[in-house]
Amino acid sequence: MNTPIRVYHGKRLDDVVKALESNNFEAFVVEDIAAAKNLVMDRIIPESGAKSFSWGGSMTLAGSGVVEAVKSLPQALVLDTFDKTISPEESYERRRQALLVDMFITGTNAVTESGMLVNLDMIGNRTGAIGFGPKNVIILVGRNKICADLDDAIRRIKDYAAPINAMRLDKKTPCVTTGRCQDCKSPDRICNMWAVAEKSFPKGRVKVVLINQDIGF
């Protein structure tokens, strides 16, 4: 049942879809994370013809069930860069190879009302893949990631998403203690690589699934 909150966010999401599409992204709106998984597995992946897959770190993606579903696809070549049984060196190499897959799936730290994707990475494999390499990219994003503009997106990432992720990853950075970015020089710093995707090239290469639900950081 629709509530005023859901209706409100639905209208905002519809506007963001139009902005994304004007920037050559392929964009969709779904009502919840389960619908996002169904859209990815039943439509986006089959229509893409993708045979090889990898993904970037994303709590939204982790909560969607998409990774497990992709792993179960028959004859799919899956590069799991988060496999706990492999060495850090092998994980890093898989991240490099993941830039050559047919389909890379991840989240985004923020999406602006003008239709830009804004991200900040530790290693840069996720930001790199969004920009270039994989033939197709799927971005899952909750309504809580919508920001008014680029400045708002940067503030959200530096003062909210980054400290929470540093806490989640048990990093030894000042923001874990203060809850705010200190622009640190810590060896554990996760804020190293900015990427702003103003448009998708080629058109439709990056597919953004907007979810009418608060999910992820």
N, C-alpha and C. Protein backbone atom coordinates (compact mmCIF):
# COMPACT_ATOMS: atom_id res chain seq x y z
N MET A 1 0.84 -1.20 0.00
CA MET A 1 0.00 0.00 0.00
C MET A 1 0.88 1.25 0.00
N ASN A 2 0.52 2.19 -0.85
CA ASN A 2 1.29 3.43 -0.94
C ASN A 2 1.02 4.31 0.27
N THR A 3 2.06 4.90 0.78
CA THR A 3 1.96 5.87 1.86
C THR A 3 2.41 7.21 1.31
N PRO A 4 2.09 8.31 2.00
CA PRO A 4 2.56 9.62 1.52
C PRO A 4 4.07 9.67 1.34
N ILE A 5 4.82 8.99 2.23
CA ILE A 5 6.29 8.99 2.11
C ILE A 5 6.72 8.29 0.84
N ARG A 6 6.11 7.13 0.56
CA ARG A 6 6.47 6.38 -0.65
C ARG A 6 6.08 7.16 -1.91
N VAL A 7 4.92 7.79 -1.87
CA VAL A 7 4.48 8.58 -3.02
C VAL A 7 5.42 9.76 -3.25
N TYR A 8 5.79 10.42 -2.16
CA TYR A 8 6.73 11.55 -2.26
C TYR A 8 8.03 11.12 -2.91
N HIS A 9 8.62 10.04 -2.39
CA HIS A 9 9.89 9.57 -2.96
C HIS A 9 9.71 9.08 -4.39
N GLY A 10 8.55 8.48 -4.68
CA GLY A 10 8.31 8.03 -6.04
C GLY A 10 8.35 9.16 -7.04
N LYS A 11 7.79 10.31 -6.66
CA LYS A 11 7.82 11.46 -7.55
C LYS A 11 9.26 11.96 -7.75
N ARG A 12 10.03 11.99 -6.67
CA ARG A 12 11.43 12.41 -6.79
C ARG A 12 12.21 11.43 -7.67
N LEU A 13 11.96 10.15 -7.48
CA LEU A 13 12.66 9.14 -8.27
C LEU A 13 12.31 9.25 -9.75
N ASP A 14 11.05 9.54 -10.04
CA ASP A 14 10.65 9.72 -11.45
C ASP A 14 11.42 10.88 -12.08
N ASP A 15 11.60 11.95 -11.33
CA ASP A 15 12.36 13.09 -11.84
C ASP A 15 13.83 12.73 -12.06
N VAL A 16 14.39 11.94 -11.14
CA VAL A 16 15.79 11.54 -11.28
C VAL A 16 15.96 10.61 -12.48
N VAL A 17 14.98 9.74 -12.73
CA VAL A 17 15.03 8.87 -13.91
C VAL A 17 15.12 9.72 -15.18
N LYS A 18 14.29 10.74 -15.26
CA LYS A 18 14.31 11.61 -16.44
C LYS A 18 15.67 12.29 -16.59
N ALA A 19 16.25 12.73 -15.47
CA ALA A 19 17.56 13.38 -15.52
C ALA A 19 18.64 12.39 -15.96
N LEU A 20 18.60 11.18 -15.42
CA LEU A 20 19.58 10.16 -15.81
C LEU A 20 19.46 9.82 -17.29
N GLU A 21 18.23 9.65 -17.75
CA GLU A 21 18.03 9.31 -19.16
C GLU A 21 18.50 10.42 -20.08
N SER A 22 18.34 11.66 -19.64
CA SER A 22 18.83 12.79 -20.45
C SER A 22 20.35 12.80 -20.51
N ASN A 23 20.99 12.11 -19.56
CA ASN A 23 22.45 11.99 -19.53
C ASN A 23 22.94 10.66 -20.11
N ASN A 24 22.05 9.98 -20.84
CA ASN A 24 22.38 8.76 -21.57
C ASN A 24 22.53 7.51 -20.70
N PHE A 25 22.15 7.59 -19.43
CA PHE A 25 22.04 6.38 -18.62
C PHE A 25 20.72 5.69 -18.96
N GLU A 26 20.68 4.37 -18.79
CA GLU A 26 19.40 3.67 -18.82
C GLU A 26 18.92 3.59 -17.38
N ALA A 27 17.71 4.03 -17.10
CA ALA A 27 17.28 4.17 -15.72
C ALA A 27 15.92 3.51 -15.49
N PHE A 28 15.76 2.98 -14.29
CA PHE A 28 14.55 2.28 -13.90
C PHE A 28 14.18 2.69 -12.47
N VAL A 29 12.90 2.59 -12.13
CA VAL A 29 12.44 2.76 -10.75
C VAL A 29 11.72 1.48 -10.34
N VAL A 30 12.05 0.96 -9.17
CA VAL A 30 11.35 -0.19 -8.60
C VAL A 30 10.94 0.15 -7.17
N GLU A 31 9.99 -0.61 -6.65
CA GLU A 31 9.43 -0.27 -5.34
C GLU A 31 10.24 -0.77 -4.16
N ASP A 32 11.02 -1.84 -4.35
CA ASP A 32 11.80 -2.35 -3.22
C ASP A 32 12.97 -3.16 -3.74
N ILE A 33 13.80 -3.65 -2.81
CA ILE A 33 15.02 -4.35 -3.19
C ILE A 33 14.72 -5.68 -3.87
N ALA A 34 13.61 -6.34 -3.50
CA ALA A 34 13.23 -7.60 -4.15
C ALA A 34 12.90 -7.35 -5.62
N ALA A 35 12.19 -6.26 -5.89
CA ALA A 35 11.86 -5.92 -7.27
C ALA A 35 13.11 -5.55 -8.06
N ALA A 36 14.09 -4.95 -7.39
CA ALA A 36 15.36 -4.63 -8.05
C ALA A 36 16.05 -5.90 -8.51
N LYS A 37 16.10 -6.90 -7.63
CA LYS A 37 16.72 -8.18 -8.00
C LYS A 37 15.99 -8.81 -9.19
N ASN A 38 14.67 -8.81 -9.15
CA ASN A 38 13.91 -9.39 -10.26
C ASN A 38 14.19 -8.67 -11.56
N LEU A 39 14.26 -7.36 -11.52
CA LEU A 39 14.54 -6.59 -12.73
C LEU A 39 15.91 -6.94 -13.30
N VAL A 40 16.90 -7.02 -12.42
CA VAL A 40 18.27 -7.33 -12.87
C VAL A 40 18.34 -8.73 -13.47
N MET A 41 17.77 -9.71 -12.77
CA MET A 41 17.94 -11.10 -13.18
C MET A 41 17.00 -11.50 -14.32
N ASP A 42 15.82 -10.92 -14.37
CA ASP A 42 14.82 -11.34 -15.36
C ASP A 42 14.83 -10.51 -16.63
N ARG A 43 15.40 -9.31 -16.55
CA ARG A 43 15.36 -8.43 -17.72
C ARG A 43 16.73 -7.90 -18.13
N ILE A 44 17.40 -7.18 -17.20
CA ILE A 44 18.61 -6.47 -17.61
C ILE A 44 19.71 -7.44 -18.05
N ILE A 45 19.99 -8.45 -17.24
CA ILE A 45 21.06 -9.38 -17.62
C ILE A 45 20.70 -10.18 -18.87
N PRO A 46 19.50 -10.77 -18.97
CA PRO A 46 19.18 -11.49 -20.21
C PRO A 46 19.25 -10.62 -21.46
N GLU A 47 18.76 -9.39 -21.36
CA GLU A 47 18.78 -8.51 -22.53
C GLU A 47 20.20 -8.10 -22.91
N SER A 48 21.11 -8.10 -21.95
CA SER A 48 22.49 -7.69 -22.23
C SER A 48 23.30 -8.79 -22.91
N GLY A 49 22.88 -10.05 -22.70
CA GLY A 49 23.66 -11.17 -23.24
C GLY A 49 24.96 -11.41 -22.50
N ALA A 50 25.13 -10.83 -21.33
CA ALA A 50 26.38 -10.95 -20.57
C ALA A 50 26.65 -12.39 -20.17
N LYS A 51 27.93 -12.77 -20.26
CA LYS A 51 28.37 -14.12 -19.88
C LYS A 51 29.38 -14.08 -18.73
N SER A 52 30.04 -12.96 -18.55
CA SER A 52 31.03 -12.85 -17.48
C SER A 52 30.63 -11.71 -16.55
N PHE A 53 30.88 -11.91 -15.24
CA PHE A 53 30.35 -11.01 -14.24
C PHE A 53 31.35 -10.75 -13.12
N SER A 54 31.28 -9.55 -12.57
CA SER A 54 31.95 -9.25 -11.31
C SER A 54 31.19 -8.11 -10.67
N TRP A 55 31.64 -7.70 -9.47
CA TRP A 55 30.90 -6.67 -8.74
C TRP A 55 31.83 -5.91 -7.83
N GLY A 56 31.37 -4.73 -7.43
CA GLY A 56 32.12 -3.91 -6.50
C GLY A 56 31.45 -3.88 -5.15
N GLY A 57 32.18 -3.43 -4.13
CA GLY A 57 31.65 -3.37 -2.79
C GLY A 57 30.44 -2.46 -2.70
N SER A 58 29.34 -2.98 -2.16
CA SER A 58 28.11 -2.21 -2.05
C SER A 58 27.20 -2.92 -1.07
N MET A 59 26.79 -2.24 -0.01
CA MET A 59 25.85 -2.83 0.93
C MET A 59 24.47 -3.00 0.30
N THR A 60 24.11 -2.11 -0.61
CA THR A 60 22.84 -2.25 -1.33
C THR A 60 22.85 -3.53 -2.15
N LEU A 61 23.93 -3.74 -2.89
CA LEU A 61 24.04 -4.96 -3.68
C LEU A 61 24.07 -6.19 -2.79
N ALA A 62 24.81 -6.13 -1.69
CA ALA A 62 24.92 -7.27 -0.78
C ALA A 62 23.56 -7.66 -0.22
N GLY A 63 22.69 -6.68 -0.01
CA GLY A 63 21.38 -6.97 0.55
C GLY A 63 20.33 -7.35 -0.46
N SER A 64 20.70 -7.36 -1.73
CA SER A 64 19.72 -7.60 -2.79
C SER A 64 19.55 -9.06 -3.17
N GLY A 65 20.58 -9.88 -2.90
CA GLY A 65 20.55 -11.26 -3.36
C GLY A 65 21.00 -11.44 -4.80
N VAL A 66 21.38 -10.35 -5.46
CA VAL A 66 21.79 -10.43 -6.87
C VAL A 66 23.08 -11.22 -7.03
N VAL A 67 24.05 -11.03 -6.12
CA VAL A 67 25.33 -11.73 -6.25
C VAL A 67 25.12 -13.23 -6.22
N GLU A 68 24.33 -13.72 -5.26
CA GLU A 68 24.07 -15.15 -5.17
C GLU A 68 23.35 -15.67 -6.41
N ALA A 69 22.43 -14.87 -6.95
CA ALA A 69 21.70 -15.27 -8.14
C ALA A 69 22.62 -15.34 -9.36
N VAL A 70 23.54 -14.37 -9.47
CA VAL A 70 24.49 -14.37 -10.58
C VAL A 70 25.40 -15.60 -10.51
N LYS A 71 25.85 -15.92 -9.30
CA LYS A 71 26.73 -17.08 -9.13
C LYS A 71 26.05 -18.37 -9.56
N SER A 72 24.73 -18.42 -9.49
CA SER A 72 24.00 -19.64 -9.84
C SER A 72 23.62 -19.72 -11.32
N LEU A 73 23.93 -18.67 -12.09
CA LEU A 73 23.61 -18.70 -13.51
C LEU A 73 24.42 -19.80 -14.21
N PRO A 74 23.77 -20.61 -15.03
CA PRO A 74 24.50 -21.68 -15.72
C PRO A 74 25.52 -21.12 -16.70
N GLN A 75 26.72 -21.67 -16.66
CA GLN A 75 27.81 -21.34 -17.58
C GLN A 75 28.31 -19.90 -17.46
N ALA A 76 27.95 -19.23 -16.36
CA ALA A 76 28.44 -17.87 -16.17
C ALA A 76 29.88 -17.91 -15.67
N LEU A 77 30.70 -17.01 -16.20
CA LEU A 77 32.06 -16.83 -15.70
C LEU A 77 32.02 -15.74 -14.65
N VAL A 78 32.29 -16.10 -13.40
CA VAL A 78 32.16 -15.18 -12.29
C VAL A 78 33.53 -14.90 -11.66
N LEU A 79 33.87 -13.63 -11.57
CA LEU A 79 35.09 -13.22 -10.89
C LEU A 79 34.71 -12.66 -9.53
N ASP A 80 34.88 -13.48 -8.49
CA ASP A 80 34.52 -13.09 -7.14
C ASP A 80 35.74 -12.47 -6.47
N THR A 81 35.77 -11.16 -6.40
CA THR A 81 36.92 -10.47 -5.81
C THR A 81 36.85 -10.43 -4.29
N PHE A 82 35.74 -10.92 -3.72
CA PHE A 82 35.57 -10.92 -2.27
C PHE A 82 35.69 -12.33 -1.68
N ASP A 83 36.19 -13.25 -2.46
CA ASP A 83 36.38 -14.63 -2.00
C ASP A 83 37.37 -14.65 -0.84
N LYS A 84 36.92 -15.11 0.32
CA LYS A 84 37.76 -15.11 1.52
C LYS A 84 38.84 -16.18 1.50
N THR A 85 38.76 -17.10 0.54
CA THR A 85 39.73 -18.19 0.50
C THR A 85 40.98 -17.87 -0.32
N ILE A 86 40.98 -16.72 -0.98
CA ILE A 86 42.12 -16.38 -1.83
C ILE A 86 43.00 -15.36 -1.13
N SER A 87 44.21 -15.21 -1.62
CA SER A 87 45.17 -14.28 -1.03
C SER A 87 44.83 -12.84 -1.42
N PRO A 88 45.33 -11.85 -0.67
CA PRO A 88 45.13 -10.46 -1.05
C PRO A 88 45.66 -10.16 -2.45
N GLU A 89 46.76 -10.81 -2.81
CA GLU A 89 47.35 -10.60 -4.14
C GLU A 89 46.41 -11.10 -5.23
N GLU A 90 45.80 -12.27 -5.00
CA GLU A 90 44.87 -12.82 -5.98
C GLU A 90 43.61 -11.97 -6.05
N SER A 91 43.15 -11.48 -4.91
CA SER A 91 41.97 -10.61 -4.89
C SER A 91 42.23 -9.35 -5.70
N TYR A 92 43.41 -8.78 -5.54
CA TYR A 92 43.77 -7.56 -6.28
C TYR A 92 43.81 -7.84 -7.78
N GLU A 93 44.39 -9.00 -8.14
CA GLU A 93 44.47 -9.36 -9.56
C GLU A 93 43.08 -9.57 -10.14
N ARG A 94 42.19 -10.17 -9.36
CA ARG A 94 40.81 -10.35 -9.84
C ARG A 94 40.13 -9.02 -10.04
N ARG A 95 40.44 -8.06 -9.20
CA ARG A 95 39.86 -6.73 -9.39
C ARG A 95 40.32 -6.11 -10.71
N ARG A 96 41.57 -6.36 -11.06
CA ARG A 96 42.07 -5.87 -12.34
C ARG A 96 41.35 -6.57 -13.50
N GLN A 97 41.20 -7.88 -13.40
CA GLN A 97 40.54 -8.64 -14.46
C GLN A 97 39.05 -8.30 -14.55
N ALA A 98 38.47 -7.87 -13.42
CA ALA A 98 37.04 -7.54 -13.41
C ALA A 98 36.71 -6.34 -14.30
N LEU A 99 37.71 -5.58 -14.67
CA LEU A 99 37.49 -4.46 -15.58
C LEU A 99 37.21 -4.89 -17.01
N LEU A 100 37.31 -6.21 -17.26
CA LEU A 100 37.11 -6.73 -18.61
C LEU A 100 35.86 -7.60 -18.74
N VAL A 101 35.03 -7.65 -17.70
CA VAL A 101 33.85 -8.52 -17.77
C VAL A 101 32.75 -7.89 -18.61
N ASP A 102 31.75 -8.73 -18.93
CA ASP A 102 30.59 -8.24 -19.68
C ASP A 102 29.67 -7.39 -18.81
N MET A 103 29.59 -7.75 -17.52
CA MET A 103 28.65 -7.05 -16.64
C MET A 103 29.27 -6.84 -15.26
N PHE A 104 29.37 -5.59 -14.86
CA PHE A 104 29.87 -5.23 -13.53
C PHE A 104 28.70 -4.63 -12.77
N ILE A 105 28.49 -5.11 -11.53
CA ILE A 105 27.33 -4.70 -10.75
C ILE A 105 27.81 -4.07 -9.44
N THR A 106 27.24 -2.95 -9.08
CA THR A 106 27.67 -2.29 -7.85
C THR A 106 26.61 -1.28 -7.40
N GLY A 107 26.97 -0.46 -6.41
CA GLY A 107 26.10 0.62 -5.97
C GLY A 107 26.75 1.95 -6.27
N THR A 108 26.18 3.00 -5.73
CA THR A 108 26.76 4.33 -5.86
C THR A 108 26.64 5.05 -4.53
N ASN A 109 27.59 5.90 -4.23
CA ASN A 109 27.53 6.66 -2.97
C ASN A 109 26.46 7.74 -3.01
N ALA A 110 26.20 8.27 -4.21
CA ALA A 110 25.20 9.33 -4.33
C ALA A 110 24.78 9.46 -5.79
N VAL A 111 23.57 9.96 -5.98
CA VAL A 111 23.08 10.33 -7.30
C VAL A 111 22.43 11.70 -7.17
N THR A 112 22.78 12.62 -8.04
CA THR A 112 22.25 13.98 -7.94
C THR A 112 20.93 14.11 -8.68
N GLU A 113 20.18 15.14 -8.33
CA GLU A 113 18.90 15.38 -8.99
C GLU A 113 19.09 15.72 -10.47
N SER A 114 20.30 16.13 -10.84
CA SER A 114 20.58 16.41 -12.25
C SER A 114 21.05 15.18 -13.00
N GLY A 115 21.11 14.02 -12.31
CA GLY A 115 21.44 12.78 -13.00
C GLY A 115 22.91 12.45 -13.09
N MET A 116 23.67 12.77 -12.06
CA MET A 116 25.09 12.40 -12.00
C MET A 116 25.30 11.36 -10.91
N LEU A 117 26.23 10.42 -11.15
CA LEU A 117 26.62 9.44 -10.15
C LEU A 117 27.93 9.90 -9.51
N VAL A 118 27.96 9.92 -8.18
CA VAL A 118 29.13 10.43 -7.45
C VAL A 118 29.63 9.34 -6.52
N ASN A 119 30.94 9.05 -6.62
CA ASN A 119 31.51 7.95 -5.85
C ASN A 119 32.91 8.28 -5.34
N LEU A 120 33.24 7.67 -4.20
CA LEU A 120 34.55 7.81 -3.58
C LEU A 120 35.02 6.43 -3.16
N ASP A 121 36.21 6.03 -3.64
CA ASP A 121 36.72 4.67 -3.44
C ASP A 121 38.05 4.66 -2.71
N MET A 122 38.33 3.50 -2.12
CA MET A 122 39.65 3.28 -1.53
C MET A 122 40.65 2.84 -2.59
N ILE A 123 40.31 1.78 -3.33
CA ILE A 123 41.23 1.21 -4.33
C ILE A 123 41.01 1.84 -5.70
N GLY A 124 39.76 2.05 -6.06
CA GLY A 124 39.44 2.62 -7.36
C GLY A 124 38.90 1.62 -8.35
N ASN A 125 38.77 0.36 -7.94
CA ASN A 125 38.25 -0.64 -8.88
C ASN A 125 36.78 -0.39 -9.22
N ARG A 126 36.01 0.08 -8.25
CA ARG A 126 34.60 0.33 -8.49
C ARG A 126 34.41 1.58 -9.34
N THR A 127 35.10 2.66 -8.99
CA THR A 127 34.99 3.88 -9.77
C THR A 127 35.56 3.66 -11.18
N GLY A 128 36.63 2.87 -11.26
CA GLY A 128 37.22 2.57 -12.56
C GLY A 128 36.25 1.83 -13.46
N ALA A 129 35.57 0.83 -12.90
CA ALA A 129 34.65 0.02 -13.69
C ALA A 129 33.44 0.81 -14.15
N ILE A 130 32.96 1.72 -13.30
CA ILE A 130 31.83 2.54 -13.71
C ILE A 130 32.20 3.39 -14.92
N GLY A 131 33.43 3.89 -14.93
CA GLY A 131 33.86 4.78 -16.01
C GLY A 131 34.24 4.09 -17.29
N PHE A 132 34.91 2.93 -17.19
CA PHE A 132 35.44 2.30 -18.41
C PHE A 132 35.83 0.86 -18.13
N GLY A 133 35.67 0.00 -19.15
CA GLY A 133 36.14 -1.37 -19.03
C GLY A 133 35.03 -2.37 -19.28
N PRO A 134 34.23 -2.69 -18.26
CA PRO A 134 33.13 -3.63 -18.46
C PRO A 134 32.18 -3.15 -19.56
N LYS A 135 31.64 -4.11 -20.32
CA LYS A 135 30.74 -3.74 -21.40
C LYS A 135 29.46 -3.11 -20.87
N ASN A 136 29.00 -3.60 -19.73
CA ASN A 136 27.78 -3.09 -19.11
C ASN A 136 28.00 -2.91 -17.62
N VAL A 137 27.31 -1.95 -17.05
CA VAL A 137 27.38 -1.70 -15.61
C VAL A 137 25.96 -1.54 -15.09
N ILE A 138 25.67 -2.21 -13.97
CA ILE A 138 24.39 -2.03 -13.28
C ILE A 138 24.67 -1.36 -11.94
N ILE A 139 23.94 -0.28 -11.66
CA ILE A 139 24.06 0.44 -10.40
C ILE A 139 22.74 0.29 -9.64
N LEU A 140 22.80 -0.27 -8.44
CA LEU A 140 21.62 -0.32 -7.57
C LEU A 140 21.72 0.81 -6.55
N VAL A 141 20.64 1.58 -6.41
CA VAL A 141 20.74 2.76 -5.54
C VAL A 141 19.42 3.02 -4.83
N GLY A 142 19.48 3.14 -3.50
CA GLY A 142 18.31 3.46 -2.71
C GLY A 142 17.96 4.93 -2.77
N ARG A 143 16.71 5.23 -2.45
CA ARG A 143 16.22 6.61 -2.52
C ARG A 143 16.97 7.53 -1.57
N ASN A 144 17.58 6.97 -0.53
CA ASN A 144 18.32 7.78 0.44
C ASN A 144 19.61 8.34 -0.12
N LYS A 145 20.01 7.90 -1.32
CA LYS A 145 21.25 8.39 -1.92
C LYS A 145 21.03 9.62 -2.80
N ILE A 146 19.79 10.03 -2.99
CA ILE A 146 19.53 11.19 -3.85
C ILE A 146 19.99 12.46 -3.16
N CYS A 147 20.76 13.27 -3.89
CA CYS A 147 21.29 14.53 -3.36
C CYS A 147 20.92 15.68 -4.29
N ALA A 148 20.81 16.86 -3.73
CA ALA A 148 20.36 18.01 -4.51
C ALA A 148 21.32 18.33 -5.66
N ASP A 149 22.63 18.30 -5.37
CA ASP A 149 23.62 18.68 -6.37
C ASP A 149 24.96 18.04 -6.01
N LEU A 150 25.99 18.39 -6.75
CA LEU A 150 27.30 17.79 -6.54
C LEU A 150 27.86 18.13 -5.16
N ASP A 151 27.72 19.36 -4.74
CA ASP A 151 28.22 19.74 -3.41
C ASP A 151 27.53 18.95 -2.31
N ASP A 152 26.23 18.78 -2.45
CA ASP A 152 25.46 18.01 -1.47
C ASP A 152 25.92 16.54 -1.47
N ALA A 153 26.19 16.00 -2.66
CA ALA A 153 26.66 14.62 -2.76
C ALA A 153 28.01 14.43 -2.09
N ILE A 154 28.91 15.36 -2.31
CA ILE A 154 30.24 15.28 -1.69
C ILE A 154 30.13 15.35 -0.17
N ARG A 155 29.29 16.25 0.33
CA ARG A 155 29.09 16.34 1.78
C ARG A 155 28.53 15.04 2.33
N ARG A 156 27.56 14.50 1.64
CA ARG A 156 26.96 13.24 2.10
C ARG A 156 27.99 12.13 2.20
N ILE A 157 28.83 12.04 1.19
CA ILE A 157 29.83 10.98 1.15
C ILE A 157 30.89 11.17 2.23
N LYS A 158 31.44 12.37 2.32
CA LYS A 158 32.54 12.61 3.25
C LYS A 158 32.10 12.56 4.72
N ASP A 159 30.91 13.08 5.01
CA ASP A 159 30.49 13.21 6.41
C ASP A 159 29.51 12.14 6.86
N TYR A 160 29.09 11.26 5.95
CA TYR A 160 28.16 10.21 6.33
C TYR A 160 28.60 8.84 5.83
N ALA A 161 28.60 8.65 4.51
CA ALA A 161 28.88 7.33 3.96
C ALA A 161 30.29 6.85 4.28
N ALA A 162 31.27 7.73 4.12
CA ALA A 162 32.66 7.31 4.34
C ALA A 162 32.94 6.93 5.79
N PRO A 163 32.55 7.76 6.78
CA PRO A 163 32.78 7.34 8.17
C PRO A 163 32.08 6.03 8.53
N ILE A 164 30.85 5.86 8.05
CA ILE A 164 30.13 4.62 8.36
C ILE A 164 30.84 3.42 7.74
N ASN A 165 31.29 3.57 6.50
CA ASN A 165 32.00 2.46 5.85
C ASN A 165 33.33 2.18 6.54
N ALA A 166 34.02 3.22 7.00
CA ALA A 166 35.26 3.00 7.74
C ALA A 166 34.98 2.23 9.03
N MET A 167 33.88 2.56 9.69
CA MET A 167 33.48 1.82 10.90
C MET A 167 33.14 0.37 10.56
N ARG A 168 32.38 0.19 9.47
CA ARG A 168 31.97 -1.15 9.06
C ARG A 168 33.16 -2.03 8.73
N LEU A 169 34.19 -1.44 8.14
CA LEU A 169 35.37 -2.18 7.72
C LEU A 169 36.45 -2.23 8.81
N ASP A 170 36.13 -1.66 9.98
CA ASP A 170 37.04 -1.66 11.13
C ASP A 170 38.38 -1.02 10.78
N LYS A 171 38.30 0.12 10.10
CA LYS A 171 39.51 0.85 9.74
C LYS A 171 39.99 1.71 10.91
N LYS A 172 41.28 1.95 10.93
CA LYS A 172 41.87 2.77 11.98
C LYS A 172 42.07 4.19 11.43
N THR A 173 40.96 4.91 11.34
CA THR A 173 40.98 6.27 10.81
C THR A 173 40.30 7.20 11.82
N PRO A 174 40.64 8.49 11.79
CA PRO A 174 40.04 9.43 12.75
C PRO A 174 38.52 9.49 12.68
N CYS A 175 37.95 9.31 11.48
CA CYS A 175 36.49 9.43 11.36
C CYS A 175 35.75 8.33 12.10
N VAL A 176 36.42 7.21 12.35
CA VAL A 176 35.80 6.14 13.13
C VAL A 176 35.52 6.63 14.55
N THR A 177 36.39 7.49 15.05
CA THR A 177 36.22 8.05 16.39
C THR A 177 35.30 9.28 16.40
N THR A 178 35.49 10.16 15.41
CA THR A 178 34.76 11.44 15.43
C THR A 178 33.43 11.40 14.70
N GLY A 179 33.28 10.46 13.75
CA GLY A 179 32.08 10.42 12.93
C GLY A 179 32.08 11.43 11.81
N ARG A 180 33.18 12.15 11.64
CA ARG A 180 33.29 13.15 10.58
C ARG A 180 34.65 13.03 9.89
N CYS A 181 34.64 13.38 8.62
CA CYS A 181 35.89 13.34 7.86
C CYS A 181 36.91 14.32 8.44
N GLN A 182 38.13 13.85 8.63
CA GLN A 182 39.22 14.68 9.11
C GLN A 182 40.28 14.90 8.02
N ASP A 183 39.95 14.48 6.78
CA ASP A 183 40.90 14.55 5.67
C ASP A 183 42.25 13.97 6.12
N CYS A 184 42.19 12.75 6.62
CA CYS A 184 43.34 12.14 7.30
C CYS A 184 44.40 11.65 6.31
N LYS A 185 45.53 11.29 6.86
CA LYS A 185 46.63 10.69 6.11
C LYS A 185 46.88 9.26 6.60
N SER A 186 45.87 8.66 7.18
CA SER A 186 45.99 7.31 7.72
C SER A 186 46.27 6.28 6.63
N PRO A 187 47.10 5.27 6.92
CA PRO A 187 47.29 4.17 5.96
C PRO A 187 45.99 3.43 5.67
N ASP A 188 45.02 3.52 6.58
CA ASP A 188 43.73 2.85 6.40
C ASP A 188 42.70 3.72 5.69
N ARG A 189 43.08 4.91 5.26
CA ARG A 189 42.15 5.84 4.61
C ARG A 189 41.43 5.14 3.45
N ILE A 190 40.11 5.26 3.41
CA ILE A 190 39.34 4.66 2.32
C ILE A 190 38.91 5.69 1.28
N CYS A 191 39.22 6.96 1.51
CA CYS A 191 38.78 8.04 0.62
C CYS A 191 39.93 8.47 -0.29
N ASN A 192 40.12 7.76 -1.37
CA ASN A 192 41.28 8.01 -2.23
C ASN A 192 40.95 8.38 -3.67
N MET A 193 39.84 7.91 -4.20
CA MET A 193 39.58 8.08 -5.63
C MET A 193 38.16 8.56 -5.87
N TRP A 194 38.04 9.84 -6.27
CA TRP A 194 36.72 10.39 -6.63
C TRP A 194 36.39 10.07 -8.08
N ALA A 195 35.12 9.88 -8.34
CA ALA A 195 34.64 9.74 -9.72
C ALA A 195 33.25 10.33 -9.83
N VAL A 196 33.07 11.21 -10.80
CA VAL A 196 31.76 11.79 -11.07
C VAL A 196 31.38 11.41 -12.50
N ALA A 197 30.33 10.61 -12.62
CA ALA A 197 29.85 10.21 -13.94
C ALA A 197 28.72 11.14 -14.34
N GLU A 198 29.03 12.10 -15.21
CA GLU A 198 28.02 13.05 -15.65
C GLU A 198 27.11 12.44 -16.70
N LYS A 199 27.66 11.56 -17.53
CA LYS A 199 26.89 10.90 -18.58
C LYS A 199 27.41 9.48 -18.78
N SER A 200 26.59 8.66 -19.40
CA SER A 200 27.01 7.31 -19.76
C SER A 200 27.48 7.30 -21.21
N PHE A 201 28.65 6.67 -21.41
CA PHE A 201 29.12 6.48 -22.78
C PHE A 201 29.69 5.07 -22.92
N PRO A 202 29.23 4.32 -23.91
CA PRO A 202 28.16 4.65 -24.86
C PRO A 202 26.80 4.78 -24.15
N LYS A 203 25.85 5.33 -24.86
CA LYS A 203 24.52 5.51 -24.32
C LYS A 203 23.96 4.17 -23.85
N GLY A 204 23.47 4.14 -22.62
CA GLY A 204 22.85 2.94 -22.08
C GLY A 204 23.80 1.93 -21.49
N ARG A 205 25.11 2.18 -21.59
CA ARG A 205 26.07 1.23 -21.01
C ARG A 205 25.87 1.09 -19.51
N VAL A 206 25.64 2.21 -18.82
CA VAL A 206 25.41 2.19 -17.38
C VAL A 206 23.91 2.22 -17.13
N LYS A 207 23.44 1.21 -16.40
CA LYS A 207 22.02 1.05 -16.12
C LYS A 207 21.79 1.28 -14.62
N VAL A 208 20.97 2.25 -14.29
CA VAL A 208 20.75 2.65 -12.90
C VAL A 208 19.38 2.21 -12.45
N VAL A 209 19.35 1.40 -11.39
CA VAL A 209 18.10 0.92 -10.83
C VAL A 209 17.85 1.68 -9.53
N LEU A 210 16.87 2.59 -9.56
CA LEU A 210 16.51 3.40 -8.40
C LEU A 210 15.45 2.65 -7.60
N ILE A 211 15.70 2.55 -6.29
CA ILE A 211 14.83 1.74 -5.42
C ILE A 211 14.10 2.65 -4.45
N ASN A 212 12.78 2.55 -4.42
CA ASN A 212 11.97 3.39 -3.53
C ASN A 212 12.00 2.82 -2.11
N GLN A 213 13.18 2.81 -1.56
CA GLN A 213 13.43 2.23 -0.24
C GLN A 213 14.76 2.78 0.26
N ASP A 214 14.86 3.03 1.56
CA ASP A 214 16.14 3.42 2.15
C ASP A 214 16.98 2.18 2.32
N ILE A 215 18.10 2.14 1.62
CA ILE A 215 18.95 0.95 1.68
C ILE A 215 20.39 1.34 1.39
N GLY A 216 21.31 0.73 2.10
CA GLY A 216 22.73 1.04 1.91
C GLY A 216 23.13 2.32 2.62
N PHE A 217 24.43 2.60 2.55
CA PHE A 217 24.99 3.78 3.19
C PHE A 217 25.20 4.91 2.19
